[in-house]
Amino acid sequence: MPVSTWSRALCVCLLIGMFPSLPLHAEEVRSESMLANTCAGCHGTLGASAGEVMPTIGGMDKGYLVEVLTDYKTGRRPSTIMGRIMQGYGDREISAIASFYAAQPWVSTDRVAVADQLAEAPALHERYCESCHQDGGRSQDAESPRMAGQWAGYLQYAMQACRDGERCHPRKMRNRVAELSDAQIAALAHFYESQK
């Protein structure tokens, strides 16, 4: 009895389904942009976040991104979801994700701070932050992320979490924010958000 074309196709599909774990090399099947798509749901297209509590990551320093993502993966940096997501990636994939976002243009928020939010902020920046976050928070490197143009809600959360000992990157930042009040942290967050 001859086997129909449909039956052959069904057999091939079943055979393929029986061998889903054939070894493939990550570099052969995953591009930087494909890996980075996982992040777009929260951090926005090309890393330009549209939500106040999600940081913009497009245009950040690659070394900084690699360190933060690795810290999430190892649990060194506490998180609600990032740690679980990053456990699915190897070092080369983390590096590829960081490369993709580092190559994107920085997109600042479109918010402008009001004067009363900024009254003491320039002096606070100069005293506590300028040595690492130069040029109004525009400079960046592997230890100091860009702050200028970042969402105030995220910056406020990050600085308070660091001050309160929940998480801090880099660790030396804890000494800088330890004596800041909630109002001072809010003023700094709005100051950085207003810098473009």
Protein backbone atom coordinates (compact mmCIF):
# COMPACT_ATOMS: atom_id res chain seq x y z
CA MET A 1 0.00 0.00 0.00
CA PRO A 2 1.65 3.25 -1.10
CA VAL A 3 2.29 5.91 1.52
CA SER A 4 0.74 9.26 0.66
CA THR A 5 2.66 12.52 0.64
CA TRP A 6 0.65 13.66 3.64
CA SER A 7 1.65 10.55 5.60
CA ARG A 8 5.32 11.09 4.76
CA ALA A 9 5.11 14.70 5.93
CA LEU A 10 3.48 13.58 9.18
CA CYS A 11 6.23 10.99 9.77
CA VAL A 12 8.95 13.59 9.17
CA CYS A 13 7.30 16.01 11.60
CA LEU A 14 7.01 13.29 14.24
CA LEU A 15 10.66 12.31 13.80
CA ILE A 16 11.80 15.92 14.10
CA GLY A 17 9.67 16.29 17.23
CA MET A 18 11.42 13.28 18.77
CA PHE A 19 14.83 14.98 18.51
CA PRO A 20 14.36 18.54 19.77
CA SER A 21 17.68 18.70 21.59
CA LEU A 22 20.10 18.31 18.73
CA PRO A 23 23.20 20.31 19.68
CA LEU A 24 23.32 23.78 18.15
CA HIS A 25 25.88 26.47 18.80
CA ALA A 26 24.43 29.68 20.27
CA GLU A 27 26.35 31.87 17.84
CA GLU A 28 24.75 30.00 14.94
CA VAL A 29 21.17 30.60 16.01
CA ARG A 30 21.13 33.74 18.16
CA SER A 31 22.02 37.25 17.11
CA GLU A 32 22.62 40.12 19.53
CA SER A 33 19.34 41.74 18.52
CA MET A 34 17.41 38.50 18.95
CA LEU A 35 18.82 37.99 22.43
CA ALA A 36 18.06 41.60 23.33
CA ASN A 37 14.41 41.24 22.30
CA THR A 38 13.79 39.60 25.67
CA CYS A 39 14.49 42.95 27.32
CA ALA A 40 12.29 45.14 25.11
CA GLY A 41 9.06 44.34 26.94
CA CYS A 42 10.26 46.19 30.05
CA HIS A 43 13.14 48.37 28.86
CA GLY A 44 11.58 49.53 25.60
CA THR A 45 12.52 49.21 21.97
CA LEU A 46 16.31 49.49 21.64
CA GLY A 47 16.52 50.04 25.39
CA ALA A 48 14.65 53.38 25.47
CA SER A 49 12.26 52.83 28.37
CA ALA A 50 8.85 54.44 28.31
CA GLY A 51 8.05 53.68 31.94
CA GLU A 52 9.14 55.68 34.94
CA VAL A 53 10.35 52.75 37.04
CA MET A 54 12.14 50.87 34.25
CA PRO A 55 15.57 52.28 33.46
CA THR A 56 16.65 53.16 29.97
CA ILE A 57 19.55 50.86 29.09
CA GLY A 58 20.19 51.68 25.44
CA GLY A 59 23.44 53.62 25.11
CA MET A 60 24.84 52.56 28.49
CA ASP A 61 28.44 51.43 28.89
CA LYS A 62 28.95 47.78 27.88
CA GLY A 63 31.17 46.96 30.86
CA TYR A 64 28.57 48.34 33.24
CA LEU A 65 25.79 46.32 31.58
CA VAL A 66 27.83 43.09 31.65
CA GLU A 67 28.57 43.53 35.34
CA VAL A 68 24.96 44.32 36.27
CA LEU A 69 23.50 41.45 34.20
CA THR A 70 26.06 39.03 35.64
CA ASP A 71 25.25 40.24 39.16
CA TYR A 72 21.57 39.53 38.47
CA LYS A 73 22.43 36.06 37.18
CA THR A 74 24.51 35.15 40.23
CA GLY A 75 22.10 36.70 42.73
CA ARG A 76 24.65 39.27 43.84
CA ARG A 77 22.18 41.96 42.77
CA PRO A 78 18.72 41.28 44.24
CA SER A 79 15.75 41.48 41.89
CA THR A 80 12.18 40.41 41.39
CA ILE A 81 12.46 39.09 37.82
CA MET A 82 15.87 39.97 36.36
CA GLY A 83 17.72 37.23 38.23
CA ARG A 84 15.41 34.55 36.89
CA ILE A 85 15.66 35.88 33.35
CA MET A 86 19.46 36.14 33.38
CA GLN A 87 19.92 32.58 34.65
CA GLY A 88 18.91 31.47 31.17
CA TYR A 89 21.95 33.10 29.56
CA GLY A 90 25.62 32.18 29.41
CA ASP A 91 28.49 34.66 29.64
CA ARG A 92 28.77 35.02 25.85
CA GLU A 93 25.05 35.73 25.56
CA ILE A 94 25.19 38.30 28.37
CA SER A 95 28.09 39.97 26.58
CA ALA A 96 26.10 39.97 23.32
CA ILE A 97 23.07 41.56 25.01
CA ALA A 98 25.30 44.20 26.60
CA SER A 99 26.98 44.89 23.24
CA PHE A 100 23.63 45.35 21.54
CA TYR A 101 22.37 47.88 24.09
CA ALA A 102 25.69 49.71 24.38
CA ALA A 103 25.59 50.30 20.62
CA GLN A 104 22.15 51.97 20.76
CA PRO A 105 21.73 55.75 21.02
CA TRP A 106 20.88 57.14 24.44
CA VAL A 107 17.29 58.46 24.59
CA SER A 108 16.61 60.85 27.47
CA THR A 109 13.20 61.23 29.06
CA ASP A 110 11.15 64.14 27.83
CA ARG A 111 10.39 65.34 31.35
CA VAL A 112 11.48 68.71 32.65
CA ALA A 113 11.80 69.22 36.39
CA VAL A 114 10.11 72.13 38.12
CA ALA A 115 12.22 74.66 39.99
CA ASP A 116 11.24 73.59 43.52
CA GLN A 117 12.39 70.02 42.77
CA LEU A 118 15.83 71.31 41.86
CA ALA A 119 16.59 73.94 44.50
CA GLU A 120 19.30 72.04 46.37
CA ALA A 121 20.03 69.38 43.76
CA PRO A 122 23.03 71.00 41.99
CA ALA A 123 24.85 71.39 45.33
CA LEU A 124 23.99 67.80 46.30
CA HIS A 125 25.27 66.55 42.95
CA GLU A 126 28.51 68.50 43.35
CA ARG A 127 29.09 67.23 46.90
CA TYR A 128 28.04 63.58 46.61
CA CYS A 129 27.97 62.54 42.97
CA GLU A 130 30.17 64.64 40.66
CA SER A 131 33.36 62.67 41.26
CA CYS A 132 31.81 59.61 39.56
CA HIS A 133 28.88 61.04 37.58
CA GLN A 134 30.56 63.98 35.90
CA ASP A 135 29.05 66.51 33.50
CA GLY A 136 25.70 66.57 35.28
CA GLY A 137 25.48 62.78 35.19
CA ARG A 138 26.19 62.46 31.46
CA SER A 139 29.54 60.69 31.80
CA GLN A 140 29.64 56.93 32.23
CA ASP A 141 31.99 53.99 32.49
CA ALA A 142 31.94 50.39 33.71
CA GLU A 143 31.35 51.48 37.32
CA SER A 144 29.26 54.61 36.90
CA PRO A 145 26.14 54.49 34.73
CA ARG A 146 24.74 57.49 32.93
CA MET A 147 22.24 59.32 35.13
CA ALA A 148 21.38 62.35 32.98
CA GLY A 149 18.08 61.84 31.19
CA GLN A 150 17.20 58.69 33.18
CA TRP A 151 13.74 58.36 34.71
CA ALA A 152 13.45 60.04 38.13
CA GLY A 153 11.25 57.23 39.49
CA TYR A 154 13.90 54.62 38.76
CA LEU A 155 16.77 56.79 40.05
CA GLN A 156 14.90 57.51 43.27
CA TYR A 157 14.22 53.81 43.81
CA ALA A 158 17.85 52.86 43.05
CA MET A 159 19.36 55.47 45.37
CA GLN A 160 16.98 54.64 48.23
CA ALA A 161 17.60 50.90 47.82
CA CYS A 162 21.34 51.55 47.93
CA ARG A 163 21.08 53.79 50.99
CA ASP A 164 18.89 51.23 52.76
CA GLY A 165 21.33 48.38 52.03
CA GLU A 166 19.05 46.44 49.68
CA ARG A 167 21.26 46.69 46.59
CA CYS A 168 24.00 48.99 45.47
CA HIS A 169 26.09 49.26 42.32
CA PRO A 170 28.85 50.05 42.58
CA ARG A 171 29.19 49.16 46.23
CA LYS A 172 31.14 52.34 46.98
CA MET A 173 27.99 54.32 46.22
CA ARG A 174 26.48 53.28 49.55
CA ASN A 175 28.87 55.62 51.37
CA ARG A 176 27.73 58.49 49.16
CA VAL A 177 23.99 58.08 49.69
CA ALA A 178 24.07 56.89 53.31
CA GLU A 179 23.33 60.30 54.77
CA LEU A 180 20.83 61.53 52.17
CA SER A 181 17.19 62.00 53.16
CA ASP A 182 14.29 60.86 50.99
CA ALA A 183 13.73 64.50 49.98
CA GLN A 184 17.38 64.92 48.94
CA ILE A 185 17.31 61.71 46.94
CA ALA A 186 14.11 62.86 45.21
CA ALA A 187 15.75 66.20 44.39
CA LEU A 188 18.79 64.45 42.88
CA ALA A 189 16.57 62.08 40.88
CA HIS A 190 14.62 64.99 39.37
CA PHE A 191 17.85 66.88 38.71
CA TYR A 192 19.29 63.97 36.71
CA GLU A 193 16.02 63.40 34.88
CA SER A 194 16.08 67.04 33.76
CA GLN A 195 19.63 66.78 32.39
CA LYS A 196 19.62 65.75 28.74
